[in-house]
Amino acid sequence: MQRYYDAHLYVANYGTCKVMIRLPATMLDLESATKYCNDDLTFAHAWNEFTALDFTSDVEDANFDSDIDEIGDGWLFAIIGVRSELAAGDLRPLYLVWLASQSSNDLDGDLFDDSAEPPVPPGLTTFTPPQTALANFLRVDDDLLAVAALSSPPVDATADVPEALEAWIRQLPDAEKNRHLLQNMRGEAALVGAELNRQHRYAHASGITTPPLSAVTALAESAARRRAERARLAAADRAEAAARRELKRANALAQRLDSLAAEGDAAWYRVETLIDARKPVEYDAAIVRLIDMKALAERSGRTIDFTTRVTALRHAHARTVSLTERFDKAGFQ
């Protein structure tokens, strides 16, 4: 990275993820980067004329993708777009990185009261595909991200309208336009584009908010409340779904028992016919039918009659070992 590369990605199957990005210091200065990257997991430092960013997610995850080695290249391809976004002045990737480090702390119950939330960039309610990939790769906590987005102003939707963009270009000083044209002729078109995009973004920014020192604690508490509420709603949904399944099962059972009641003694004849077939599948069908017949006997108060008739069936087929085993497993003694 110091000599050749602009990006590096590392993954381990036990859960550690790391991505490093290098940009010219003219596109992202060290002071701006260290507002978001200043702990053991995320940090920024200068290499000659470059600013280097180092992001790590180090959470032990038993459910981490066992095929991560096969998709490492895919992750870098998905994430690398944040480099040009940072060069154009979009600070959302840096804020996501900061949230990733807080996500790790939050999972460990280790958010500090004296921590300071960095400036909140606009547009945290919407992300580009590279930013979404970065958040997923570094496992940003969804609840932290949702509550952080509440204090993020929206991105100016009119800034990129062709007419507005043309008007902004016209108001640039002639000396600056000439400088950019000269850079372009020298083969520095990428630098020109990044600088102009950065200036345009800053000119139309809705405002970057600077939270108070206590904001991190408040952020963690809000995320915890949101997480608890999501868990409560999920539990309620599961309970409701279970109740619906139980009602459906009870209705189906009631219909089967009504049909059995209408059959009368023919139901017992059907069981005997299935057993006389002397085939495993018919034995299974007979046991299933007897289970429903037992439920019908309990519903109608004729349990003793049911037990007597099942006992007679057992004695009549006592030498059929596989059928006896099925009786025992079903609890028919």
Protein backbone atom coordinates (compact mmCIF):
# COMPACT_ATOMS: atom_id res chain seq x y z
CA MET A 1 0.00 0.00 0.00
CA GLN A 2 2.86 2.43 0.73
CA ARG A 3 4.40 1.93 -2.69
CA TYR A 4 1.94 0.41 -5.15
CA TYR A 5 -1.71 -0.22 -4.28
CA ASP A 6 -4.76 1.96 -3.62
CA ALA A 7 -6.86 -0.75 -1.94
CA HIS A 8 -6.40 -3.91 0.09
CA LEU A 9 -8.96 -6.31 1.56
CA TYR A 10 -8.48 -9.15 4.03
CA VAL A 11 -10.95 -11.64 5.48
CA ALA A 12 -10.64 -14.57 7.86
CA ASN A 13 -13.12 -17.38 8.35
CA TYR A 14 -13.29 -16.69 12.11
CA GLY A 15 -14.80 -13.26 11.49
CA THR A 16 -12.05 -10.65 11.08
CA CYS A 17 -12.57 -8.29 8.13
CA LYS A 18 -10.18 -5.55 7.04
CA VAL A 19 -10.20 -3.08 4.16
CA MET A 20 -7.56 -0.43 3.46
CA ILE A 21 -7.93 2.49 1.06
CA ARG A 22 -5.33 5.01 -0.07
CA LEU A 23 -6.12 8.43 -1.56
CA PRO A 24 -4.05 11.47 -2.49
CA ALA A 25 -3.96 13.86 0.46
CA THR A 26 -5.36 16.57 -1.82
CA MET A 27 -8.58 14.53 -2.10
CA LEU A 28 -8.88 13.61 1.59
CA ASP A 29 -6.77 15.30 4.22
CA LEU A 30 -5.62 13.48 7.34
CA GLU A 31 -7.36 15.88 9.72
CA SER A 32 -10.78 15.21 8.18
CA ALA A 33 -10.21 11.44 8.15
CA THR A 34 -9.09 11.21 11.80
CA LYS A 35 -12.39 12.71 12.96
CA TYR A 36 -13.93 9.37 12.02
CA CYS A 37 -10.98 6.97 12.20
CA ASN A 38 -9.23 7.26 15.54
CA ASP A 39 -9.36 4.00 17.48
CA ASP A 40 -7.86 0.50 17.42
CA LEU A 41 -10.18 -0.73 14.68
CA THR A 42 -10.33 2.30 12.42
CA PHE A 43 -7.48 4.72 11.88
CA ALA A 44 -5.95 7.02 9.30
CA HIS A 45 -2.35 7.98 8.70
CA ALA A 46 -0.25 9.81 6.13
CA TRP A 47 2.16 8.20 3.65
CA ASN A 48 4.10 10.83 1.72
CA GLU A 49 1.44 12.60 -0.36
CA PHE A 50 -1.27 10.06 0.48
CA THR A 51 -3.87 9.58 3.20
CA ALA A 52 -4.31 5.91 4.09
CA LEU A 53 -7.43 4.53 5.79
CA ASP A 54 -7.48 1.24 7.68
CA PHE A 55 -10.85 -0.26 8.65
CA THR A 56 -11.27 -3.48 10.64
CA SER A 57 -14.27 -5.39 11.96
CA ASP A 58 -13.10 -7.90 14.53
CA VAL A 59 -16.21 -9.63 15.84
CA GLU A 60 -16.18 -13.37 16.44
CA ASP A 61 -19.08 -14.66 14.40
CA ALA A 62 -19.99 -18.34 14.34
CA ASN A 63 -22.32 -17.66 11.41
CA PHE A 64 -19.66 -15.94 9.31
CA ASP A 65 -19.69 -17.14 5.72
CA SER A 66 -17.63 -20.33 5.54
CA ASP A 67 -16.99 -19.61 1.85
CA ILE A 68 -15.51 -16.18 2.55
CA ASP A 69 -12.26 -17.04 0.80
CA GLU A 70 -14.22 -17.57 -2.39
CA ILE A 71 -15.98 -14.19 -2.21
CA GLY A 72 -13.11 -11.98 -1.03
CA ASP A 73 -12.57 -10.59 -4.52
CA GLY A 74 -16.28 -9.90 -4.78
CA TRP A 75 -16.22 -7.84 -1.60
CA LEU A 76 -13.40 -5.62 -2.83
CA PHE A 77 -15.11 -5.11 -6.17
CA ALA A 78 -18.32 -4.10 -4.37
CA ILE A 79 -16.62 -1.77 -1.88
CA ILE A 80 -13.93 -0.03 -3.95
CA GLY A 81 -16.37 2.60 -5.25
CA VAL A 82 -16.22 4.36 -1.87
CA ARG A 83 -12.72 5.52 -2.80
CA SER A 84 -14.00 7.76 -5.57
CA GLU A 85 -16.89 8.85 -3.35
CA LEU A 86 -14.47 9.95 -0.63
CA ALA A 87 -12.38 11.73 -3.25
CA ALA A 88 -15.51 13.60 -4.31
CA GLY A 89 -16.14 14.77 -0.75
CA ASP A 90 -18.79 12.24 0.28
CA LEU A 91 -18.08 11.54 3.97
CA ARG A 92 -20.76 8.91 4.44
CA PRO A 93 -18.25 6.03 4.03
CA LEU A 94 -16.15 7.45 6.89
CA TYR A 95 -19.20 7.78 9.12
CA LEU A 96 -20.14 4.17 8.33
CA VAL A 97 -16.64 3.12 9.35
CA TRP A 98 -16.98 4.98 12.64
CA LEU A 99 -20.35 3.31 13.22
CA ALA A 100 -18.74 -0.08 12.52
CA SER A 101 -16.27 0.45 15.37
CA GLN A 102 -19.14 1.55 17.63
CA SER A 103 -21.11 -1.53 16.56
CA SER A 104 -18.28 -3.72 17.84
CA ASN A 105 -18.15 -1.79 21.10
CA ASP A 106 -21.91 -1.86 21.50
CA LEU A 107 -22.02 -5.64 21.12
CA ASP A 108 -19.42 -5.88 23.87
CA GLY A 109 -21.24 -3.36 26.09
CA ASP A 110 -18.23 -1.06 25.85
CA LEU A 111 -19.42 2.37 24.73
CA PHE A 112 -17.71 5.13 26.74
CA ASP A 113 -19.50 8.18 28.16
CA ASP A 114 -16.68 10.52 27.10
CA SER A 115 -16.71 9.41 23.46
CA ALA A 116 -17.56 12.02 20.87
CA GLU A 117 -19.63 11.36 17.77
CA PRO A 118 -17.92 12.81 14.68
CA PRO A 119 -19.66 15.27 12.36
CA VAL A 120 -22.78 13.69 10.87
CA PRO A 121 -22.81 13.98 7.05
CA PRO A 122 -26.03 14.45 5.10
CA GLY A 123 -27.75 11.56 3.35
CA LEU A 124 -27.52 8.79 5.97
CA THR A 125 -31.03 7.63 5.08
CA THR A 126 -29.83 6.58 1.62
CA PHE A 127 -26.60 4.91 0.57
CA THR A 128 -24.87 4.08 -2.67
CA PRO A 129 -24.23 0.40 -3.49
CA PRO A 130 -20.51 0.67 -2.51
CA GLN A 131 -21.49 2.25 0.82
CA THR A 132 -24.04 -0.50 1.46
CA ALA A 133 -21.38 -3.12 0.70
CA LEU A 134 -18.94 -1.41 3.09
CA ALA A 135 -21.56 -1.36 5.86
CA ASN A 136 -22.31 -5.05 5.34
CA PHE A 137 -18.63 -6.00 5.18
CA LEU A 138 -17.82 -4.17 8.42
CA ARG A 139 -21.09 -5.37 10.00
CA VAL A 140 -22.49 -1.99 10.96
CA ASP A 141 -25.30 -2.48 13.46
CA ASP A 142 -28.63 -1.72 11.77
CA ASP A 143 -30.12 -0.15 14.89
CA LEU A 144 -27.16 2.18 15.43
CA LEU A 145 -27.37 3.22 11.78
CA ALA A 146 -31.11 3.86 11.97
CA VAL A 147 -30.89 6.12 15.02
CA ALA A 148 -27.80 7.91 13.67
CA ALA A 149 -29.65 8.72 10.46
CA LEU A 150 -32.26 10.70 12.44
CA SER A 151 -29.81 13.58 12.88
CA SER A 152 -28.54 13.48 9.29
CA PRO A 153 -29.88 16.20 6.99
CA PRO A 154 -31.09 15.13 3.53
CA VAL A 155 -28.92 15.45 0.45
CA ASP A 156 -29.87 18.38 -1.78
CA ALA A 157 -31.92 16.62 -4.47
CA THR A 158 -31.68 19.58 -6.84
CA ALA A 159 -27.88 19.93 -6.79
CA ASP A 160 -27.32 17.56 -9.71
CA VAL A 161 -30.07 18.92 -11.93
CA PRO A 162 -28.34 19.88 -15.23
CA GLU A 163 -29.54 23.49 -15.04
CA ALA A 164 -28.30 23.88 -11.44
CA LEU A 165 -24.99 22.20 -12.29
CA GLU A 166 -24.50 24.50 -15.28
CA ALA A 167 -25.26 27.55 -13.16
CA TRP A 168 -22.72 26.44 -10.54
CA ILE A 169 -20.02 25.95 -13.20
CA ARG A 170 -20.66 29.40 -14.66
CA GLN A 171 -20.01 31.09 -11.33
CA LEU A 172 -16.56 29.50 -10.93
CA PRO A 173 -13.70 32.02 -11.27
CA ASP A 174 -12.05 32.06 -14.71
CA ALA A 175 -8.64 31.43 -13.15
CA GLU A 176 -9.93 28.25 -11.53
CA LYS A 177 -11.52 27.05 -14.77
CA ASN A 178 -8.26 27.67 -16.62
CA ARG A 179 -6.34 25.74 -13.99
CA HIS A 180 -8.69 22.77 -14.32
CA LEU A 181 -8.40 22.83 -18.13
CA LEU A 182 -4.63 22.81 -17.87
CA GLN A 183 -4.75 19.86 -15.46
CA ASN A 184 -7.02 18.03 -17.84
CA MET A 185 -4.60 18.55 -20.74
CA ARG A 186 -1.80 17.18 -18.56
CA GLY A 187 -3.75 13.94 -18.11
CA GLU A 188 -5.09 14.76 -14.65
CA ALA A 189 -8.76 14.48 -15.58
CA ALA A 190 -9.53 12.18 -12.62
CA LEU A 191 -8.09 14.70 -10.17
CA VAL A 192 -10.03 17.52 -11.80
CA GLY A 193 -13.28 15.56 -11.67
CA ALA A 194 -12.78 14.62 -8.01
CA GLU A 195 -11.97 18.19 -7.00
CA LEU A 196 -14.92 19.69 -8.86
CA ASN A 197 -17.29 17.08 -7.43
CA ARG A 198 -15.96 17.79 -3.96
CA GLN A 199 -16.43 21.56 -4.38
CA HIS A 200 -19.91 21.04 -5.82
CA ARG A 201 -20.88 18.77 -2.90
CA TYR A 202 -19.64 21.25 -0.30
CA ALA A 203 -21.41 24.13 -2.05
CA HIS A 204 -24.76 22.30 -1.90
CA ALA A 205 -24.36 20.45 1.40
CA SER A 206 -27.38 20.72 3.65
CA GLY A 207 -25.00 21.07 6.56
CA ILE A 208 -22.86 18.64 8.51
CA THR A 209 -24.01 18.52 12.10
CA THR A 210 -21.61 18.23 15.01
CA PRO A 211 -23.17 16.30 17.91
CA PRO A 212 -22.36 17.00 21.59
CA LEU A 213 -19.83 14.86 23.46
CA SER A 214 -22.60 12.81 25.06
CA ALA A 215 -24.06 11.85 21.68
CA VAL A 216 -22.38 8.44 21.55
CA THR A 217 -23.98 7.32 24.79
CA ALA A 218 -27.35 8.65 23.63
CA LEU A 219 -26.84 6.90 20.30
CA ALA A 220 -26.13 3.59 22.02
CA GLU A 221 -29.13 3.94 24.32
CA SER A 222 -31.43 4.78 21.42
CA ALA A 223 -30.09 1.83 19.43
CA ALA A 224 -30.64 -0.46 22.43
CA ARG A 225 -34.23 0.73 22.76
CA ARG A 226 -34.84 0.25 19.06
CA ARG A 227 -33.28 -3.21 19.19
CA ALA A 228 -35.45 -4.17 22.15
CA GLU A 229 -38.56 -2.89 20.40
CA ARG A 230 -37.70 -4.84 17.26
CA ALA A 231 -37.20 -7.96 19.39
CA ARG A 232 -40.55 -7.39 21.09
CA LEU A 233 -42.36 -6.95 17.79
CA ALA A 234 -40.61 -10.00 16.33
CA ALA A 235 -41.62 -12.08 19.37
CA ALA A 236 -45.20 -10.85 19.03
CA ASP A 237 -45.20 -11.77 15.34
CA ARG A 238 -43.86 -15.23 16.14
CA ALA A 239 -46.48 -15.72 18.86
CA GLU A 240 -49.23 -14.60 16.50
CA ALA A 241 -47.97 -16.91 13.76
CA ALA A 242 -47.80 -19.81 16.24
CA ALA A 243 -51.36 -19.07 17.37
CA ARG A 244 -52.55 -19.08 13.77
CA ARG A 245 -50.80 -22.39 13.13
CA GLU A 246 -52.30 -23.88 16.29
CA LEU A 247 -55.79 -22.69 15.35
CA LYS A 248 -55.39 -24.15 11.89
CA ARG A 249 -54.18 -27.45 13.39
CA ALA A 250 -57.08 -27.51 15.87
CA ASN A 251 -59.63 -26.83 13.12
CA ALA A 252 -58.15 -29.57 10.94
CA LEU A 253 -58.22 -32.00 13.87
CA ALA A 254 -61.83 -31.11 14.66
CA GLN A 255 -62.81 -31.83 11.05
CA ARG A 256 -61.03 -35.18 11.12
CA LEU A 257 -62.69 -36.13 14.40
CA ASP A 258 -66.11 -35.18 13.05
CA SER A 259 -65.51 -37.44 10.05
CA LEU A 260 -64.43 -40.29 12.33
CA ALA A 261 -67.48 -39.83 14.53
CA ALA A 262 -69.70 -40.13 11.46
CA GLU A 263 -68.02 -43.43 10.53
CA GLY A 264 -68.90 -45.15 13.80
CA ASP A 265 -67.63 -48.76 14.01
CA ALA A 266 -66.53 -48.53 10.37
CA ALA A 267 -63.52 -46.56 11.64
CA TRP A 268 -62.36 -49.61 13.62
CA TYR A 269 -62.96 -51.85 10.62
CA ARG A 270 -60.73 -49.54 8.56
CA VAL A 271 -57.94 -49.83 11.15
CA GLU A 272 -58.20 -53.64 11.16
CA THR A 273 -58.09 -53.68 7.34
CA LEU A 274 -54.90 -51.61 7.33
CA ILE A 275 -53.25 -53.91 9.89
CA ASP A 276 -54.27 -57.04 8.03
CA ALA A 277 -52.41 -55.76 4.97
CA ARG A 278 -49.18 -56.52 6.93
CA LYS A 279 -47.16 -53.74 5.32
CA PRO A 280 -45.14 -51.04 7.15
CA VAL A 281 -46.86 -48.17 5.36
CA GLU A 282 -50.29 -49.54 6.29
CA TYR A 283 -49.16 -50.04 9.90
CA ASP A 284 -48.16 -46.38 9.99
CA ALA A 285 -51.50 -45.31 8.53
CA ALA A 286 -53.35 -47.42 11.13
CA ILE A 287 -51.42 -45.79 14.00
CA VAL A 288 -52.15 -42.29 12.64
CA ARG A 289 -55.83 -43.17 12.46
CA LEU A 290 -55.79 -44.60 15.99
CA ILE A 291 -54.24 -41.40 17.35
CA ASP A 292 -57.19 -39.43 15.97
CA MET A 293 -59.61 -42.03 17.29
CA LYS A 294 -58.09 -41.64 20.75
CA ALA A 295 -58.63 -37.87 20.56
CA LEU A 296 -62.24 -38.52 19.51
CA ALA A 297 -62.73 -40.88 22.48
CA GLU A 298 -61.38 -38.23 24.85
CA ARG A 299 -63.66 -35.60 23.34
CA SER A 300 -66.74 -37.83 23.65
CA GLY A 301 -65.88 -39.32 27.06
CA ARG A 302 -65.39 -42.89 25.77
CA THR A 303 -61.75 -43.38 26.68
CA ILE A 304 -62.33 -46.71 28.43
CA ASP A 305 -64.03 -48.19 25.36
CA PHE A 306 -61.12 -47.00 23.18
CA THR A 307 -58.50 -48.49 25.51
CA THR A 308 -60.33 -51.82 25.60
CA ARG A 309 -60.48 -52.11 21.84
CA VAL A 310 -56.83 -51.10 21.36
CA THR A 311 -55.79 -53.70 23.93
CA ALA A 312 -57.73 -56.32 21.97
CA LEU A 313 -55.92 -55.27 18.79
CA ARG A 314 -52.53 -55.61 20.52
CA HIS A 315 -53.33 -59.10 21.76
CA ALA A 316 -54.60 -60.20 18.36
CA HIS A 317 -51.33 -59.10 16.71
CA ALA A 318 -48.92 -59.66 19.59
CA ARG A 319 -46.52 -61.66 17.42
CA THR A 320 -46.14 -58.83 14.90
CA VAL A 321 -43.07 -57.15 16.37
CA SER A 322 -42.99 -54.08 14.10
CA LEU A 323 -46.67 -53.32 14.82
CA THR A 324 -46.13 -53.78 18.57
CA GLU A 325 -43.24 -51.33 18.42
CA ARG A 326 -45.51 -48.82 16.70
CA PHE A 327 -48.17 -49.28 19.41
CA ASP A 328 -45.54 -48.66 22.08
CA LYS A 329 -44.17 -45.57 20.37
CA ALA A 330 -47.65 -44.08 20.02
CA GLY A 331 -48.30 -44.75 23.73
CA PHE A 332 -50.99 -47.37 23.22
CA GLN A 333 -50.41 -49.81 26.10
